């Protein structure tokens, strides 16, 4: 997993509340076992028209935002079923940070476990960020726990162990491997 420290990028605003994992990734995608990338599946039902053509009004299809690494959104982001595929699709699309008014607890943890920084800011802060011009750069600095754009700086909270996981790019396996000596000592003791 790639480490995250500072992300400087434009952002994509999708300011709906209660965006469920089923909107982030269709149920049909859950059956896929050989996908190398879930990027094309992200927001599939909204990104594409029934004809299969891109929906020109959906923010991810805005040519000026194609390289954005930061998504800003509303309340209760990632609610619904605990589909890790939703985090995979965001990551595969290129998002490294999701800024929201609030998150579903399960999605919040799935994001961290998959190398995406979930940042909770106030309603007013999220709305201000969403209204920035398309060319505005936003800087998310995980070590200092700040989001900065133009002349404003917002602080966010994250537990130290989660911050460490992201800044060091640690997976669950990496963390378990960090206890290898303790595990070996326990196994010797149990013999």
C-alpha atoms as a PDB file:
ATOM      1  CA  UNK A   1       0.000   0.000   0.000  1.00  0.00           C
ATOM      2  CA  UNK A   2       1.301   3.457  -0.857  1.00  0.00           C
ATOM      3  CA  UNK A   3       2.087   5.819   1.999  1.00  0.00           C
ATOM      4  CA  UNK A   4       0.214   9.112   2.287  1.00  0.00           C
ATOM      5  CA  UNK A   5       1.766  12.211   3.782  1.00  0.00           C
ATOM      6  CA  UNK A   6       0.857  15.286   1.733  1.00  0.00           C
ATOM      7  CA  UNK A   7      -1.610  15.341  -1.149  1.00  0.00           C
ATOM      8  CA  UNK A   8      -1.805  18.448  -3.323  1.00  0.00           C
ATOM      9  CA  UNK A   9      -4.577  18.341  -5.875  1.00  0.00           C
ATOM     10  CA  UNK A  10      -7.737  19.802  -7.279  1.00  0.00           C
ATOM     11  CA  UNK A  11     -10.839  18.274  -5.812  1.00  0.00           C
ATOM     12  CA  UNK A  12     -14.047  16.772  -7.098  1.00  0.00           C
ATOM     13  CA  UNK A  13     -17.187  17.880  -5.247  1.00  0.00           C
ATOM     14  CA  UNK A  14     -20.058  15.399  -5.034  1.00  0.00           C
ATOM     15  CA  UNK A  15     -22.074  17.012  -2.281  1.00  0.00           C
ATOM     16  CA  UNK A  16     -24.864  14.504  -1.739  1.00  0.00           C
ATOM     17  CA  UNK A  17     -25.590  13.049   1.694  1.00  0.00           C
ATOM     18  CA  UNK A  18     -25.934   9.310   2.367  1.00  0.00           C
ATOM     19  CA  UNK A  19     -23.905   8.102  -0.615  1.00  0.00           C
ATOM     20  CA  UNK A  20     -24.045   4.350  -0.108  1.00  0.00           C
ATOM     21  CA  UNK A  21     -21.403   1.804  -1.031  1.00  0.00           C
ATOM     22  CA  UNK A  22     -23.920   0.472  -3.569  1.00  0.00           C
ATOM     23  CA  UNK A  23     -23.774   3.835  -5.364  1.00  0.00           C
ATOM     24  CA  UNK A  24     -19.977   3.870  -5.238  1.00  0.00           C
ATOM     25  CA  UNK A  25     -19.828   0.376  -6.737  1.00  0.00           C
ATOM     26  CA  UNK A  26     -22.706  -1.581  -8.223  1.00  0.00           C
ATOM     27  CA  UNK A  27     -23.714  -4.898  -6.667  1.00  0.00           C
ATOM     28  CA  UNK A  28     -22.805  -6.591  -9.969  1.00  0.00           C
ATOM     29  CA  UNK A  29     -19.149  -5.670  -9.447  1.00  0.00           C
ATOM     30  CA  UNK A  30     -19.044  -7.776  -6.276  1.00  0.00           C
ATOM     31  CA  UNK A  31     -19.204 -10.871  -8.475  1.00  0.00           C
ATOM     32  CA  UNK A  32     -16.066  -9.857 -10.388  1.00  0.00           C
ATOM     33  CA  UNK A  33     -12.985 -11.739  -9.242  1.00  0.00           C
ATOM     34  CA  UNK A  34     -10.551 -10.979 -12.043  1.00  0.00           C
ATOM     35  CA  UNK A  35     -10.712  -7.190 -12.237  1.00  0.00           C
ATOM     36  CA  UNK A  36      -7.319  -5.530 -12.233  1.00  0.00           C
ATOM     37  CA  UNK A  37      -8.952  -2.158 -11.518  1.00  0.00           C
ATOM     38  CA  UNK A  38     -12.321  -0.976 -10.251  1.00  0.00           C
ATOM     39  CA  UNK A  39     -11.786   2.614 -11.459  1.00  0.00           C
ATOM     40  CA  UNK A  40     -14.345   2.374 -14.272  1.00  0.00           C
ATOM     41  CA  UNK A  41     -16.940   1.022 -11.859  1.00  0.00           C
ATOM     42  CA  UNK A  42     -16.833   4.013  -9.470  1.00  0.00           C
ATOM     43  CA  UNK A  43     -20.243   5.775  -9.426  1.00  0.00           C
ATOM     44  CA  UNK A  44     -21.134   3.716 -12.500  1.00  0.00           C
ATOM     45  CA  UNK A  45     -24.878   4.373 -12.260  1.00  0.00           C
ATOM     46  CA  UNK A  46     -24.328   8.123 -12.235  1.00  0.00           C
ATOM     47  CA  UNK A  47     -21.202   8.415 -14.399  1.00  0.00           C
ATOM     48  CA  UNK A  48     -22.730   6.704 -17.412  1.00  0.00           C
ATOM     49  CA  UNK A  49     -26.014   7.111 -19.252  1.00  0.00           C
ATOM     50  CA  UNK A  50     -28.201   4.123 -20.161  1.00  0.00           C
ATOM     51  CA  UNK A  51     -26.547   4.174 -23.607  1.00  0.00           C
ATOM     52  CA  UNK A  52     -23.137   3.639 -21.984  1.00  0.00           C
ATOM     53  CA  UNK A  53     -21.955   7.140 -22.870  1.00  0.00           C
ATOM     54  CA  UNK A  54     -20.457   9.323 -20.144  1.00  0.00           C
ATOM     55  CA  UNK A  55     -22.949  11.538 -18.329  1.00  0.00           C
ATOM     56  CA  UNK A  56     -21.629  15.040 -19.139  1.00  0.00           C
ATOM     57  CA  UNK A  57     -23.159  16.532 -15.984  1.00  0.00           C
ATOM     58  CA  UNK A  58     -21.530  14.132 -13.504  1.00  0.00           C
ATOM     59  CA  UNK A  59     -18.495  15.691 -11.749  1.00  0.00           C
ATOM     60  CA  UNK A  60     -16.122  12.754 -12.389  1.00  0.00           C
ATOM     61  CA  UNK A  61     -16.606  13.306 -16.118  1.00  0.00           C
ATOM     62  CA  UNK A  62     -15.516  16.960 -15.975  1.00  0.00           C
ATOM     63  CA  UNK A  63     -12.362  17.073 -18.146  1.00  0.00           C
ATOM     64  CA  UNK A  64     -10.893  19.760 -15.869  1.00  0.00           C
ATOM     65  CA  UNK A  65     -11.035  17.416 -12.861  1.00  0.00           C
ATOM     66  CA  UNK A  66      -9.624  14.207 -14.363  1.00  0.00           C
ATOM     67  CA  UNK A  67      -6.454  14.199 -12.276  1.00  0.00           C
ATOM     68  CA  UNK A  68      -8.084  15.095  -8.948  1.00  0.00           C
ATOM     69  CA  UNK A  69      -6.944  13.010  -5.963  1.00  0.00           C
ATOM     70  CA  UNK A  70      -9.366  14.539  -3.432  1.00  0.00           C
ATOM     71  CA  UNK A  71     -13.121  13.955  -3.238  1.00  0.00           C
ATOM     72  CA  UNK A  72     -15.286  16.252  -1.094  1.00  0.00           C
ATOM     73  CA  UNK A  73     -18.762  15.091  -0.184  1.00  0.00           C
ATOM     74  CA  UNK A  74     -21.665  15.266   2.254  1.00  0.00           C
ATOM     75  CA  UNK A  75     -22.827  13.466   5.378  1.00  0.00           C
ATOM     76  CA  UNK A  76     -22.761   9.738   6.084  1.00  0.00           C
ATOM     77  CA  UNK A  77     -20.488   8.895   3.154  1.00  0.00           C
ATOM     78  CA  UNK A  78     -20.080   5.160   2.509  1.00  0.00           C
ATOM     79  CA  UNK A  79     -23.245   4.095   4.332  1.00  0.00           C
ATOM     80  CA  UNK A  80     -25.048   0.861   3.516  1.00  0.00           C
ATOM     81  CA  UNK A  81     -23.383  -2.494   3.099  1.00  0.00           C
ATOM     82  CA  UNK A  82     -19.751  -3.049   4.043  1.00  0.00           C
ATOM     83  CA  UNK A  83     -18.389  -3.435   0.527  1.00  0.00           C
ATOM     84  CA  UNK A  84     -14.633  -3.075   0.487  1.00  0.00           C
ATOM     85  CA  UNK A  85     -14.959  -2.802  -3.287  1.00  0.00           C
ATOM     86  CA  UNK A  86     -16.158   0.784  -2.735  1.00  0.00           C
ATOM     87  CA  UNK A  87     -12.796   1.745  -1.230  1.00  0.00           C
ATOM     88  CA  UNK A  88     -11.001  -0.193  -3.983  1.00  0.00           C
ATOM     89  CA  UNK A  89     -12.882   1.744  -6.678  1.00  0.00           C
ATOM     90  CA  UNK A  90     -12.048   5.108  -5.087  1.00  0.00           C
ATOM     91  CA  UNK A  91      -8.383   4.130  -4.741  1.00  0.00           C
ATOM     92  CA  UNK A  92      -8.178   2.672  -8.256  1.00  0.00           C
ATOM     93  CA  UNK A  93      -9.735   5.838  -9.694  1.00  0.00           C
ATOM     94  CA  UNK A  94      -6.921   7.805  -8.083  1.00  0.00           C
ATOM     95  CA  UNK A  95      -8.500   9.289  -4.976  1.00  0.00           C
ATOM     96  CA  UNK A  96      -6.124   9.417  -2.026  1.00  0.00           C
ATOM     97  CA  UNK A  97      -8.322  11.570   0.214  1.00  0.00           C
ATOM     98  CA  UNK A  98     -12.066  11.727   0.824  1.00  0.00           C
ATOM     99  CA  UNK A  99     -13.229  14.780   2.756  1.00  0.00           C
ATOM    100  CA  UNK A 100     -16.755  14.439   4.116  1.00  0.00           C
ATOM    101  CA  UNK A 101     -19.134  15.962   6.625  1.00  0.00           C
ATOM    102  CA  UNK A 102     -19.300  12.491   8.203  1.00  0.00           C
ATOM    103  CA  UNK A 103     -18.592   8.857   7.322  1.00  0.00           C
ATOM    104  CA  UNK A 104     -20.139   5.484   7.924  1.00  0.00           C
ATOM    105  CA  UNK A 105     -17.907   3.836  10.555  1.00  0.00           C
ATOM    106  CA  UNK A 106     -17.325   0.705   8.471  1.00  0.00           C
ATOM    107  CA  UNK A 107     -16.452   2.664   5.337  1.00  0.00           C
ATOM    108  CA  UNK A 108     -14.085   4.882   7.351  1.00  0.00           C
ATOM    109  CA  UNK A 109     -12.084   1.821   8.417  1.00  0.00           C
ATOM    110  CA  UNK A 110     -12.220   0.230   4.943  1.00  0.00           C
ATOM    111  CA  UNK A 111     -10.809   3.458   3.502  1.00  0.00           C
ATOM    112  CA  UNK A 112      -7.880   3.486   5.918  1.00  0.00           C
ATOM    113  CA  UNK A 113      -7.167  -0.219   5.385  1.00  0.00           C
ATOM    114  CA  UNK A 114      -7.014   0.440   1.642  1.00  0.00           C
ATOM    115  CA  UNK A 115      -4.766   3.499   1.714  1.00  0.00           C
ATOM    116  CA  UNK A 116      -7.359   6.262   1.484  1.00  0.00           C
ATOM    117  CA  UNK A 117      -7.331   9.087   4.030  1.00  0.00           C
ATOM    118  CA  UNK A 118     -10.865   9.877   5.252  1.00  0.00           C
ATOM    119  CA  UNK A 119     -11.053  13.454   6.593  1.00  0.00           C
ATOM    120  CA  UNK A 120     -14.059  14.715   8.528  1.00  0.00           C
ATOM    121  CA  UNK A 121     -14.656  18.471   8.414  1.00  0.00           C
ATOM    122  CA  UNK A 122     -17.619  20.632   9.381  1.00  0.00           C
ATOM    123  CA  UNK A 123     -20.548  21.224   7.051  1.00  0.00           C
ATOM    124  CA  UNK A 124     -19.396  24.794   6.445  1.00  0.00           C
ATOM    125  CA  UNK A 125     -15.803  23.742   5.687  1.00  0.00           C
ATOM    126  CA  UNK A 126     -16.902  21.036   3.231  1.00  0.00           C
ATOM    127  CA  UNK A 127     -19.321  23.414   1.497  1.00  0.00           C
ATOM    128  CA  UNK A 128     -16.584  26.069   1.218  1.00  0.00           C
ATOM    129  CA  UNK A 129     -14.184  23.544  -0.325  1.00  0.00           C
ATOM    130  CA  UNK A 130     -16.858  22.311  -2.746  1.00  0.00           C
ATOM    131  CA  UNK A 131     -17.420  25.870  -3.969  1.00  0.00           C
ATOM    132  CA  UNK A 132     -13.763  26.473  -4.847  1.00  0.00           C
ATOM    133  CA  UNK A 133     -12.967  27.133  -8.509  1.00  0.00           C
ATOM    134  CA  UNK A 134     -12.080  24.026 -10.502  1.00  0.00           C
ATOM    135  CA  UNK A 135      -8.460  25.171 -10.768  1.00  0.00           C
ATOM    136  CA  UNK A 136      -7.972  25.650  -7.011  1.00  0.00           C
ATOM    137  CA  UNK A 137      -5.351  23.459  -5.390  1.00  0.00           C
ATOM    138  CA  UNK A 138      -6.089  21.889  -2.032  1.00  0.00           C
ATOM    139  CA  UNK A 139      -3.314  20.580   0.217  1.00  0.00           C
ATOM    140  CA  UNK A 140      -4.066  17.798   2.668  1.00  0.00           C
ATOM    141  CA  UNK A 141      -1.170  17.313   5.074  1.00  0.00           C
ATOM    142  CA  UNK A 142      -1.559  14.183   7.181  1.00  0.00           C
ATOM    143  CA  UNK A 143       1.429  14.755   9.516  1.00  0.00           C
ATOM    144  CA  UNK A 144       0.074  18.175  10.534  1.00  0.00           C
ATOM    145  CA  UNK A 145      -3.559  17.047  10.151  1.00  0.00           C
ATOM    146  CA  UNK A 146      -4.540  20.047   8.056  1.00  0.00           C
ATOM    147  CA  UNK A 147      -6.468  20.845   4.906  1.00  0.00           C
ATOM    148  CA  UNK A 148      -5.392  24.073   3.245  1.00  0.00           C
ATOM    149  CA  UNK A 149      -6.832  25.973   0.308  1.00  0.00           C
ATOM    150  CA  UNK A 150      -6.341  29.580  -0.643  1.00  0.00           C
ATOM    151  CA  UNK A 151      -5.975  31.472   2.657  1.00  0.00           C
ATOM    152  CA  UNK A 152      -7.824  28.984   4.875  1.00  0.00           C
ATOM    153  CA  UNK A 153      -6.511  26.097   6.976  1.00  0.00           C
ATOM    154  CA  UNK A 154      -8.754  23.485   8.583  1.00  0.00           C
ATOM    155  CA  UNK A 155      -7.624  21.006  11.264  1.00  0.00           C
ATOM    156  CA  UNK A 156      -8.899  17.426  11.306  1.00  0.00           C
ATOM    157  CA  UNK A 157      -8.653  14.593  13.806  1.00  0.00           C
ATOM    158  CA  UNK A 158      -7.290  11.098  13.261  1.00  0.00           C
ATOM    159  CA  UNK A 159      -6.097   8.530  15.768  1.00  0.00           C
ATOM    160  CA  UNK A 160      -2.309   8.164  15.939  1.00  0.00           C
ATOM    161  CA  UNK A 161      -2.320   4.470  14.991  1.00  0.00           C
ATOM    162  CA  UNK A 162      -4.427   5.192  11.893  1.00  0.00           C
ATOM    163  CA  UNK A 163      -2.199   8.123  10.976  1.00  0.00           C
ATOM    164  CA  UNK A 164       0.870   5.893  11.336  1.00  0.00           C
ATOM    165  CA  UNK A 165      -0.727   3.176   9.184  1.00  0.00           C
ATOM    166  CA  UNK A 166      -1.323   5.678   6.374  1.00  0.00           C
ATOM    167  CA  UNK A 167       1.944   7.619   6.597  1.00  0.00           C
ATOM    168  CA  UNK A 168       3.901   4.347   6.559  1.00  0.00           C
ATOM    169  CA  UNK A 169       1.674   2.578   4.027  1.00  0.00           C
ATOM    170  CA  UNK A 170       1.034  -0.354   6.358  1.00  0.00           C
ATOM    171  CA  UNK A 171      -1.437  -3.127   5.572  1.00  0.00           C
ATOM    172  CA  UNK A 172      -2.958  -5.481   8.156  1.00  0.00           C
ATOM    173  CA  UNK A 173      -0.322  -8.050   7.181  1.00  0.00           C
ATOM    174  CA  UNK A 174       2.483  -5.516   7.675  1.00  0.00           C
ATOM    175  CA  UNK A 175       1.153  -4.714  11.135  1.00  0.00           C
ATOM    176  CA  UNK A 176       0.901  -8.403  12.038  1.00  0.00           C
ATOM    177  CA  UNK A 177       4.434  -8.987  10.734  1.00  0.00           C
ATOM    178  CA  UNK A 178       5.574  -6.308  13.188  1.00  0.00           C
ATOM    179  CA  UNK A 179       4.673  -8.737  15.970  1.00  0.00           C
ATOM    180  CA  UNK A 180       6.665 -11.633  14.477  1.00  0.00           C
ATOM    181  CA  UNK A 181       9.065 -11.848  17.452  1.00  0.00           C
ATOM    182  CA  UNK A 182       6.188 -11.812  19.953  1.00  0.00           C
ATOM    183  CA  UNK A 183       4.321 -14.463  17.961  1.00  0.00           C
ATOM    184  CA  UNK A 184       7.425 -16.672  17.767  1.00  0.00           C
ATOM    185  CA  UNK A 185       8.009 -16.271  21.531  1.00  0.00           C
ATOM    186  CA  UNK A 186       4.395 -17.211  22.219  1.00  0.00           C
ATOM    187  CA  UNK A 187       4.645 -20.268  19.968  1.00  0.00           C
ATOM    188  CA  UNK A 188       7.812 -21.409  21.751  1.00  0.00           C
ATOM    189  CA  UNK A 189       6.093 -20.944  25.086  1.00  0.00           C
ATOM    190  CA  UNK A 190       3.095 -23.008  23.954  1.00  0.00           C
ATOM    191  CA  UNK A 191       5.207 -26.047  22.913  1.00  0.00           C
END
